[in-house]
Amino acid sequence: MTKRSSDQVRKEAHAKGLYPAPLNEGRSRNMRANRRADTKPEVVLRSALHRLGYRYRKDLRLDVGGVRVRPDIVFTARKVAVFVDGCFWHVCPEHGRQPTVNEWYWTPKLRRNMERDVTVNAALEAAGWNVVRLWEHEPLASAIDAVVAAVRPSCSEHASESNGLTDI
């Protein structure tokens, strides 16, 4: 889509009331810069895990229980899915805040994000996955500890590990 047609589509959506028009060009630029994957907290965590010797898939699509899921970090052999959630987008109890502008749009959108998180967790857990959800503001050391605890094999698996069958 060309820049011009993209702008036209956006204007038509604003006119239809599908989503609010940006307050100004700066706000619009900031919102377009938000990423779905490879956010700074996610990249920092992945780098730290890689330095510790852990290997994983990033942004891997999983289809579980009729739900499509894209965890930020996936340990396929251990069935561990890690999400690094943004405070605004997932309504962090510590840093999340209610929108004060265009509440008609943002309040339901953020509620849907929270409901989707619950649905995703339930679908993954029903399929035998261990889900780790971390907030973007969580200290790196505690985030690493949470992921390592989820990935570390249980005592019963140590026998297969000693046979060289580890797959982390």
N, C-alpha and C. Protein backbone atom coordinates (compact mmCIF):
# COMPACT_ATOMS: atom_id res chain seq x y z
N MET A 1 0.84 -1.16 0.00
CA MET A 1 0.00 0.00 0.00
C MET A 1 0.90 1.24 0.00
N THR A 2 0.62 2.17 -0.87
CA THR A 2 1.43 3.37 -0.94
C THR A 2 1.12 4.27 0.25
N LYS A 3 1.99 5.21 0.49
CA LYS A 3 1.80 6.14 1.61
C LYS A 3 0.49 6.90 1.46
N ARG A 4 0.21 7.34 0.24
CA ARG A 4 -1.01 8.12 0.01
C ARG A 4 -2.26 7.28 0.25
N SER A 5 -2.31 6.07 -0.27
CA SER A 5 -3.49 5.24 -0.07
C SER A 5 -3.62 4.82 1.39
N SER A 6 -2.50 4.62 2.07
CA SER A 6 -2.52 4.30 3.49
C SER A 6 -3.15 5.45 4.28
N ASP A 7 -2.75 6.67 3.96
CA ASP A 7 -3.35 7.84 4.63
C ASP A 7 -4.84 7.94 4.34
N GLN A 8 -5.22 7.65 3.10
CA GLN A 8 -6.63 7.73 2.72
C GLN A 8 -7.45 6.69 3.47
N VAL A 9 -6.94 5.47 3.56
CA VAL A 9 -7.65 4.41 4.30
C VAL A 9 -7.81 4.80 5.75
N ARG A 10 -6.75 5.36 6.34
CA ARG A 10 -6.80 5.80 7.73
C ARG A 10 -7.86 6.88 7.93
N LYS A 11 -7.90 7.85 7.03
CA LYS A 11 -8.89 8.94 7.13
C LYS A 11 -10.31 8.40 7.02
N GLU A 12 -10.51 7.45 6.11
CA GLU A 12 -11.85 6.86 5.96
C GLU A 12 -12.26 6.10 7.23
N ALA A 13 -11.32 5.41 7.84
CA ALA A 13 -11.62 4.69 9.09
C ALA A 13 -11.96 5.66 10.20
N HIS A 14 -11.24 6.78 10.27
CA HIS A 14 -11.55 7.80 11.27
C HIS A 14 -12.96 8.35 11.03
N ALA A 15 -13.28 8.61 9.76
CA ALA A 15 -14.59 9.18 9.42
C ALA A 15 -15.72 8.22 9.79
N LYS A 16 -15.47 6.91 9.67
CA LYS A 16 -16.49 5.91 10.01
C LYS A 16 -16.58 5.68 11.52
N GLY A 17 -15.65 6.24 12.27
CA GLY A 17 -15.66 6.06 13.73
C GLY A 17 -15.10 4.72 14.17
N LEU A 18 -14.32 4.06 13.31
CA LEU A 18 -13.74 2.77 13.68
C LEU A 18 -12.65 2.95 14.73
N TYR A 19 -11.90 4.01 14.64
CA TYR A 19 -10.94 4.35 15.67
C TYR A 19 -10.70 5.85 15.61
N PRO A 20 -10.21 6.43 16.69
CA PRO A 20 -10.11 7.88 16.75
C PRO A 20 -8.99 8.43 15.88
N ALA A 21 -9.21 9.65 15.43
CA ALA A 21 -8.15 10.35 14.70
C ALA A 21 -7.08 10.75 15.70
N PRO A 22 -5.83 10.75 15.30
CA PRO A 22 -4.77 11.15 16.23
C PRO A 22 -4.92 12.62 16.62
N LEU A 23 -4.49 12.93 17.83
CA LEU A 23 -4.57 14.31 18.30
C LEU A 23 -3.63 15.21 17.50
N ASN A 24 -2.47 14.68 17.16
CA ASN A 24 -1.51 15.44 16.37
C ASN A 24 -0.56 14.46 15.68
N GLU A 25 0.28 14.98 14.80
CA GLU A 25 1.18 14.12 14.04
C GLU A 25 2.21 13.43 14.95
N GLY A 26 2.65 14.11 16.00
CA GLY A 26 3.60 13.51 16.93
C GLY A 26 3.02 12.28 17.61
N ARG A 27 1.78 12.38 18.09
CA ARG A 27 1.11 11.24 18.74
C ARG A 27 0.95 10.11 17.74
N SER A 28 0.56 10.45 16.52
CA SER A 28 0.38 9.45 15.48
C SER A 28 1.69 8.72 15.19
N ARG A 29 2.77 9.46 15.11
CA ARG A 29 4.09 8.87 14.86
C ARG A 29 4.49 7.93 16.01
N ASN A 30 4.22 8.35 17.25
CA ASN A 30 4.54 7.51 18.42
C ASN A 30 3.76 6.20 18.39
N MET A 31 2.48 6.27 18.07
CA MET A 31 1.66 5.06 18.06
C MET A 31 2.08 4.12 16.94
N ARG A 32 2.45 4.65 15.79
CA ARG A 32 2.91 3.80 14.68
C ARG A 32 4.23 3.13 15.01
N ALA A 33 5.02 3.73 15.89
CA ALA A 33 6.33 3.19 16.25
C ALA A 33 6.23 2.01 17.24
N ASN A 34 5.07 1.81 17.86
CA ASN A 34 4.91 0.68 18.77
C ASN A 34 5.04 -0.62 18.00
N ARG A 35 5.79 -1.56 18.57
CA ARG A 35 6.05 -2.81 17.89
C ARG A 35 5.28 -3.95 18.53
N ARG A 36 4.93 -4.94 17.71
CA ARG A 36 4.27 -6.14 18.22
C ARG A 36 5.31 -7.11 18.75
N ALA A 37 6.46 -7.14 18.11
CA ALA A 37 7.53 -8.06 18.51
C ALA A 37 8.84 -7.29 18.59
N ASP A 38 9.81 -7.91 19.24
CA ASP A 38 11.15 -7.32 19.37
C ASP A 38 11.15 -6.00 20.14
N THR A 39 10.36 -5.92 21.19
CA THR A 39 10.39 -4.74 22.04
C THR A 39 11.68 -4.76 22.84
N LYS A 40 12.08 -3.62 23.38
CA LYS A 40 13.34 -3.56 24.13
C LYS A 40 13.37 -4.54 25.30
N PRO A 41 12.33 -4.59 26.15
CA PRO A 41 12.39 -5.55 27.27
C PRO A 41 12.50 -7.00 26.80
N GLU A 42 11.83 -7.31 25.71
CA GLU A 42 11.87 -8.67 25.16
C GLU A 42 13.27 -9.00 24.62
N VAL A 43 13.86 -8.08 23.90
CA VAL A 43 15.20 -8.30 23.33
C VAL A 43 16.24 -8.45 24.44
N VAL A 44 16.13 -7.63 25.48
CA VAL A 44 17.08 -7.71 26.60
C VAL A 44 16.97 -9.08 27.27
N LEU A 45 15.75 -9.55 27.50
CA LEU A 45 15.55 -10.86 28.13
C LEU A 45 16.08 -11.98 27.23
N ARG A 46 15.77 -11.92 25.96
CA ARG A 46 16.26 -12.96 25.04
C ARG A 46 17.78 -13.00 25.00
N SER A 47 18.40 -11.84 24.97
CA SER A 47 19.87 -11.78 24.94
C SER A 47 20.46 -12.40 26.19
N ALA A 48 19.88 -12.07 27.34
CA ALA A 48 20.38 -12.61 28.60
C ALA A 48 20.21 -14.14 28.64
N LEU A 49 19.07 -14.63 28.19
CA LEU A 49 18.85 -16.08 28.17
C LEU A 49 19.82 -16.76 27.21
N HIS A 50 20.07 -16.15 26.08
CA HIS A 50 21.00 -16.72 25.10
C HIS A 50 22.41 -16.78 25.68
N ARG A 51 22.82 -15.71 26.38
CA ARG A 51 24.15 -15.71 27.00
C ARG A 51 24.29 -16.82 28.03
N LEU A 52 23.16 -17.18 28.68
CA LEU A 52 23.19 -18.26 29.66
C LEU A 52 23.15 -19.64 29.01
N GLY A 53 23.05 -19.68 27.69
CA GLY A 53 23.08 -20.95 26.98
C GLY A 53 21.72 -21.50 26.60
N TYR A 54 20.66 -20.78 26.87
CA TYR A 54 19.32 -21.25 26.51
C TYR A 54 19.03 -20.94 25.05
N ARG A 55 18.42 -21.89 24.37
CA ARG A 55 18.04 -21.71 22.98
C ARG A 55 16.52 -21.81 22.90
N TYR A 56 15.94 -21.00 22.06
CA TYR A 56 14.49 -20.83 22.02
C TYR A 56 14.09 -20.38 20.63
N ARG A 57 12.80 -20.31 20.41
CA ARG A 57 12.24 -19.74 19.19
C ARG A 57 11.60 -18.42 19.59
N LYS A 58 11.68 -17.44 18.74
CA LYS A 58 11.05 -16.16 19.06
C LYS A 58 9.84 -15.93 18.17
N ASP A 59 8.78 -15.42 18.77
CA ASP A 59 7.58 -15.05 18.03
C ASP A 59 7.05 -16.20 17.17
N LEU A 60 7.09 -17.40 17.71
CA LEU A 60 6.63 -18.60 17.00
C LEU A 60 5.13 -18.73 17.13
N ARG A 61 4.45 -18.90 16.02
CA ARG A 61 2.99 -19.06 16.07
C ARG A 61 2.64 -20.48 16.52
N LEU A 62 1.78 -20.54 17.53
CA LEU A 62 1.27 -21.82 18.03
C LEU A 62 -0.24 -21.83 17.83
N ASP A 63 -0.77 -22.94 17.35
CA ASP A 63 -2.21 -23.11 17.22
C ASP A 63 -2.64 -24.14 18.26
N VAL A 64 -3.27 -23.66 19.33
CA VAL A 64 -3.67 -24.56 20.41
C VAL A 64 -5.14 -24.32 20.75
N GLY A 65 -5.90 -25.39 20.79
CA GLY A 65 -7.29 -25.31 21.18
C GLY A 65 -8.09 -24.31 20.37
N GLY A 66 -7.81 -24.20 19.09
CA GLY A 66 -8.53 -23.26 18.24
C GLY A 66 -8.09 -21.81 18.43
N VAL A 67 -7.04 -21.59 19.18
CA VAL A 67 -6.54 -20.24 19.44
C VAL A 67 -5.15 -20.11 18.82
N ARG A 68 -4.95 -19.05 18.06
CA ARG A 68 -3.62 -18.76 17.52
C ARG A 68 -2.88 -17.87 18.50
N VAL A 69 -1.66 -18.26 18.83
CA VAL A 69 -0.88 -17.58 19.86
C VAL A 69 0.52 -17.31 19.33
N ARG A 70 1.08 -16.17 19.68
CA ARG A 70 2.46 -15.85 19.32
C ARG A 70 3.21 -15.40 20.57
N PRO A 71 3.69 -16.36 21.37
CA PRO A 71 4.49 -15.97 22.53
C PRO A 71 5.77 -15.26 22.08
N ASP A 72 6.30 -14.43 22.94
CA ASP A 72 7.54 -13.71 22.62
C ASP A 72 8.73 -14.66 22.56
N ILE A 73 8.77 -15.61 23.49
CA ILE A 73 9.85 -16.59 23.56
C ILE A 73 9.21 -17.96 23.76
N VAL A 74 9.65 -18.95 22.97
CA VAL A 74 9.06 -20.28 23.06
C VAL A 74 10.17 -21.32 23.18
N PHE A 75 10.05 -22.15 24.22
CA PHE A 75 10.92 -23.31 24.38
C PHE A 75 10.06 -24.51 23.96
N THR A 76 10.19 -24.94 22.71
CA THR A 76 9.27 -25.93 22.16
C THR A 76 9.39 -27.28 22.84
N ALA A 77 10.60 -27.75 23.08
CA ALA A 77 10.78 -29.08 23.66
C ALA A 77 10.25 -29.14 25.09
N ARG A 78 10.38 -28.06 25.82
CA ARG A 78 9.91 -28.01 27.21
C ARG A 78 8.48 -27.50 27.32
N LYS A 79 7.90 -27.07 26.19
CA LYS A 79 6.54 -26.53 26.14
C LYS A 79 6.38 -25.38 27.15
N VAL A 80 7.26 -24.40 27.01
CA VAL A 80 7.20 -23.19 27.83
C VAL A 80 7.02 -22.00 26.90
N ALA A 81 5.98 -21.20 27.17
CA ALA A 81 5.70 -19.99 26.39
C ALA A 81 5.89 -18.78 27.30
N VAL A 82 6.71 -17.84 26.86
CA VAL A 82 7.03 -16.66 27.66
C VAL A 82 6.48 -15.43 26.96
N PHE A 83 5.76 -14.60 27.71
CA PHE A 83 5.22 -13.34 27.21
C PHE A 83 5.81 -12.21 28.03
N VAL A 84 6.28 -11.17 27.36
CA VAL A 84 6.74 -9.96 28.03
C VAL A 84 5.71 -8.89 27.71
N ASP A 85 4.82 -8.63 28.67
CA ASP A 85 3.68 -7.75 28.45
C ASP A 85 4.00 -6.30 28.77
N GLY A 86 3.55 -5.41 27.89
CA GLY A 86 3.69 -3.98 28.11
C GLY A 86 2.69 -3.49 29.14
N CYS A 87 3.11 -2.57 29.97
CA CYS A 87 2.26 -2.08 31.06
C CYS A 87 0.98 -1.41 30.55
N PHE A 88 1.08 -0.60 29.51
CA PHE A 88 -0.12 0.06 28.98
C PHE A 88 -1.02 -0.94 28.28
N TRP A 89 -0.47 -1.72 27.37
CA TRP A 89 -1.28 -2.57 26.50
C TRP A 89 -1.96 -3.71 27.25
N HIS A 90 -1.40 -4.15 28.36
CA HIS A 90 -1.97 -5.28 29.10
C HIS A 90 -2.48 -4.86 30.48
N VAL A 91 -2.56 -3.58 30.73
CA VAL A 91 -3.12 -2.98 31.95
C VAL A 91 -2.43 -3.52 33.21
N CYS A 92 -1.18 -3.17 33.34
CA CYS A 92 -0.40 -3.54 34.52
C CYS A 92 -1.05 -2.96 35.77
N PRO A 93 -1.21 -3.77 36.82
CA PRO A 93 -1.83 -3.26 38.05
C PRO A 93 -0.98 -2.19 38.73
N GLU A 94 0.32 -2.18 38.43
CA GLU A 94 1.21 -1.20 39.04
C GLU A 94 1.33 0.08 38.22
N HIS A 95 1.44 -0.07 36.89
CA HIS A 95 1.69 1.10 36.03
C HIS A 95 0.59 1.39 35.03
N GLY A 96 -0.33 0.46 34.84
CA GLY A 96 -1.40 0.68 33.87
C GLY A 96 -2.30 1.81 34.35
N ARG A 97 -2.86 2.53 33.39
CA ARG A 97 -3.74 3.63 33.76
C ARG A 97 -4.91 3.68 32.79
N GLN A 98 -5.98 4.25 33.25
CA GLN A 98 -7.15 4.40 32.40
C GLN A 98 -6.89 5.55 31.41
N PRO A 99 -7.21 5.34 30.15
CA PRO A 99 -7.02 6.41 29.19
C PRO A 99 -7.93 7.60 29.51
N THR A 100 -7.44 8.78 29.27
CA THR A 100 -8.24 9.98 29.53
C THR A 100 -8.74 10.62 28.25
N VAL A 101 -8.17 10.23 27.11
CA VAL A 101 -8.60 10.75 25.81
C VAL A 101 -9.09 9.57 24.99
N ASN A 102 -10.20 9.75 24.31
CA ASN A 102 -10.78 8.70 23.46
C ASN A 102 -11.05 7.42 24.25
N GLU A 103 -11.60 7.59 25.46
CA GLU A 103 -11.90 6.41 26.31
C GLU A 103 -12.82 5.44 25.59
N TRP A 104 -13.73 5.92 24.76
CA TRP A 104 -14.68 5.08 24.04
C TRP A 104 -13.96 4.04 23.20
N TYR A 105 -12.76 4.35 22.77
CA TYR A 105 -11.98 3.41 21.97
C TYR A 105 -11.02 2.60 22.83
N TRP A 106 -10.26 3.26 23.69
CA TRP A 106 -9.19 2.61 24.41
C TRP A 106 -9.66 1.68 25.52
N THR A 107 -10.68 2.04 26.26
CA THR A 107 -11.14 1.19 27.36
C THR A 107 -11.56 -0.19 26.88
N PRO A 108 -12.44 -0.29 25.86
CA PRO A 108 -12.78 -1.64 25.37
C PRO A 108 -11.59 -2.38 24.75
N LYS A 109 -10.70 -1.64 24.07
CA LYS A 109 -9.54 -2.29 23.45
C LYS A 109 -8.63 -2.91 24.51
N LEU A 110 -8.35 -2.17 25.57
CA LEU A 110 -7.49 -2.70 26.62
C LEU A 110 -8.17 -3.85 27.36
N ARG A 111 -9.49 -3.77 27.52
CA ARG A 111 -10.23 -4.87 28.14
C ARG A 111 -10.13 -6.13 27.28
N ARG A 112 -10.25 -5.97 25.96
CA ARG A 112 -10.12 -7.12 25.05
C ARG A 112 -8.72 -7.72 25.14
N ASN A 113 -7.71 -6.87 25.27
CA ASN A 113 -6.34 -7.39 25.43
C ASN A 113 -6.24 -8.27 26.68
N MET A 114 -6.81 -7.80 27.78
CA MET A 114 -6.77 -8.57 29.03
C MET A 114 -7.53 -9.88 28.88
N GLU A 115 -8.70 -9.83 28.24
CA GLU A 115 -9.49 -11.04 28.04
C GLU A 115 -8.75 -12.02 27.12
N ARG A 116 -8.08 -11.50 26.11
CA ARG A 116 -7.31 -12.36 25.21
C ARG A 116 -6.17 -13.03 25.96
N ASP A 117 -5.52 -12.32 26.88
CA ASP A 117 -4.45 -12.91 27.69
C ASP A 117 -4.97 -14.09 28.49
N VAL A 118 -6.14 -13.95 29.08
CA VAL A 118 -6.73 -15.03 29.87
C VAL A 118 -7.06 -16.22 28.96
N THR A 119 -7.62 -15.95 27.79
CA THR A 119 -7.97 -17.01 26.84
C THR A 119 -6.72 -17.75 26.36
N VAL A 120 -5.69 -16.99 26.05
CA VAL A 120 -4.43 -17.57 25.57
C VAL A 120 -3.81 -18.44 26.66
N ASN A 121 -3.76 -17.93 27.89
CA ASN A 121 -3.21 -18.72 28.99
C ASN A 121 -3.96 -20.04 29.15
N ALA A 122 -5.29 -19.96 29.14
CA ALA A 122 -6.10 -21.17 29.32
C ALA A 122 -5.87 -22.17 28.19
N ALA A 123 -5.81 -21.69 26.95
CA ALA A 123 -5.61 -22.59 25.81
C ALA A 123 -4.24 -23.26 25.87
N LEU A 124 -3.22 -22.49 26.19
CA LEU A 124 -1.88 -23.06 26.28
C LEU A 124 -1.79 -24.07 27.42
N GLU A 125 -2.32 -23.72 28.58
CA GLU A 125 -2.26 -24.64 29.72
C GLU A 125 -3.05 -25.90 29.46
N ALA A 126 -4.19 -25.79 28.79
CA ALA A 126 -4.99 -26.97 28.45
C ALA A 126 -4.23 -27.89 27.49
N ALA A 127 -3.36 -27.31 26.68
CA ALA A 127 -2.57 -28.09 25.73
C ALA A 127 -1.25 -28.58 26.35
N GLY A 128 -1.07 -28.36 27.65
CA GLY A 128 0.10 -28.87 28.33
C GLY A 128 1.30 -27.93 28.37
N TRP A 129 1.07 -26.67 28.04
CA TRP A 129 2.15 -25.69 28.04
C TRP A 129 2.25 -25.00 29.39
N ASN A 130 3.46 -24.61 29.75
CA ASN A 130 3.70 -23.79 30.95
C ASN A 130 3.81 -22.35 30.45
N VAL A 131 3.00 -21.45 31.00
CA VAL A 131 2.96 -20.07 30.56
C VAL A 131 3.66 -19.18 31.59
N VAL A 132 4.58 -18.35 31.11
CA VAL A 132 5.27 -17.38 31.96
C VAL A 132 4.93 -16.00 31.43
N ARG A 133 4.28 -15.18 32.26
CA ARG A 133 3.94 -13.81 31.88
C ARG A 133 4.76 -12.87 32.74
N LEU A 134 5.47 -11.97 32.07
CA LEU A 134 6.32 -11.00 32.75
C LEU A 134 5.90 -9.60 32.33
N TRP A 135 6.02 -8.64 33.24
CA TRP A 135 5.75 -7.25 32.90
C TRP A 135 7.02 -6.63 32.36
N GLU A 136 6.88 -5.67 31.48
CA GLU A 136 8.04 -5.01 30.88
C GLU A 136 8.94 -4.34 31.92
N HIS A 137 8.38 -3.95 33.07
CA HIS A 137 9.16 -3.24 34.08
C HIS A 137 9.86 -4.18 35.06
N GLU A 138 9.61 -5.46 34.92
CA GLU A 138 10.20 -6.43 35.87
C GLU A 138 11.73 -6.42 35.74
N PRO A 139 12.43 -6.44 36.86
CA PRO A 139 13.90 -6.48 36.79
C PRO A 139 14.38 -7.71 36.02
N LEU A 140 15.44 -7.52 35.27
CA LEU A 140 15.95 -8.58 34.41
C LEU A 140 16.28 -9.84 35.21
N ALA A 141 16.89 -9.69 36.37
CA ALA A 141 17.28 -10.86 37.16
C ALA A 141 16.07 -11.70 37.55
N SER A 142 14.99 -11.06 37.98
CA SER A 142 13.81 -11.84 38.37
C SER A 142 13.11 -12.42 37.15
N ALA A 143 13.16 -11.73 36.02
CA ALA A 143 12.58 -12.29 34.79
C ALA A 143 13.34 -13.54 34.35
N ILE A 144 14.66 -13.46 34.40
CA ILE A 144 15.48 -14.62 34.06
C ILE A 144 15.18 -15.78 35.00
N ASP A 145 15.09 -15.49 36.30
CA ASP A 145 14.79 -16.55 37.28
C ASP A 145 13.46 -17.22 36.98
N ALA A 146 12.45 -16.45 36.62
CA ALA A 146 11.13 -17.01 36.33
C ALA A 146 11.18 -17.92 35.10
N VAL A 147 11.88 -17.48 34.07
CA VAL A 147 11.97 -18.29 32.84
C VAL A 147 12.79 -19.55 33.10
N VAL A 148 13.92 -19.42 33.76
CA VAL A 148 14.77 -20.57 34.04
C VAL A 148 14.03 -21.59 34.90
N ALA A 149 13.28 -21.12 35.89
CA ALA A 149 12.51 -22.04 36.73
C ALA A 149 11.48 -22.82 35.92
N ALA A 150 10.89 -22.17 34.93
CA ALA A 150 9.89 -22.84 34.10
C ALA A 150 10.53 -23.81 33.11
N VAL A 151 11.72 -23.48 32.64
CA VAL A 151 12.39 -24.30 31.64
C VAL A 151 13.18 -25.44 32.24
N ARG A 152 13.71 -25.22 33.44
CA ARG A 152 14.54 -26.23 34.10
C ARG A 152 13.75 -27.53 34.24
N PRO A 153 14.36 -28.63 33.87
CA PRO A 153 13.64 -29.91 33.94
C PRO A 153 13.34 -30.31 35.39
N SER A 154 12.25 -31.02 35.55
CA SER A 154 11.90 -31.50 36.88
C SER A 154 12.83 -32.65 37.27
N CYS A 155 12.77 -33.07 38.52
CA CYS A 155 13.66 -34.13 39.02
C CYS A 155 13.51 -35.42 38.23
N SER A 156 12.30 -35.76 37.80
CA SER A 156 12.09 -37.02 37.09
C SER A 156 12.73 -37.00 35.70
N GLU A 157 13.01 -35.81 35.18
CA GLU A 157 13.59 -35.73 33.85
C GLU A 157 15.11 -35.79 33.88
N HIS A 158 15.71 -35.69 35.07
CA HIS A 158 17.16 -35.72 35.15
C HIS A 158 17.74 -37.03 34.63
N ALA A 159 17.01 -38.11 34.72
CA ALA A 159 17.52 -39.39 34.23
C ALA A 159 17.73 -39.33 32.72
N SER A 160 16.77 -38.79 31.98
CA SER A 160 16.94 -38.70 30.54
C SER A 160 18.02 -37.67 30.20
N GLU A 161 18.17 -36.64 31.03
CA GLU A 161 19.19 -35.63 30.79
C GLU A 161 20.58 -36.24 30.91
N SER A 162 20.77 -37.13 31.86
CA SER A 162 22.09 -37.74 32.03
C SER A 162 22.40 -38.68 30.87
N ASN A 163 21.38 -39.10 30.12
CA ASN A 163 21.60 -39.94 28.95
C ASN A 163 21.88 -39.10 27.71
N GLY A 164 22.03 -37.78 27.88
CA GLY A 164 22.30 -36.91 26.75
C GLY A 164 21.07 -36.54 25.96
N LEU A 165 19.90 -36.64 26.53
CA LEU A 165 18.67 -36.36 25.79
C LEU A 165 18.12 -34.97 26.08
N THR A 166 18.91 -34.10 26.64
CA THR A 166 18.39 -32.77 26.92
C THR A 166 18.23 -31.96 25.62
N ASP A 167 17.23 -31.13 25.57
CA ASP A 167 16.91 -30.42 24.34
C ASP A 167 16.70 -28.93 24.55
N ILE A 168 17.28 -28.39 25.59
CA ILE A 168 17.13 -26.95 25.83
C ILE A 168 18.17 -26.24 25.01
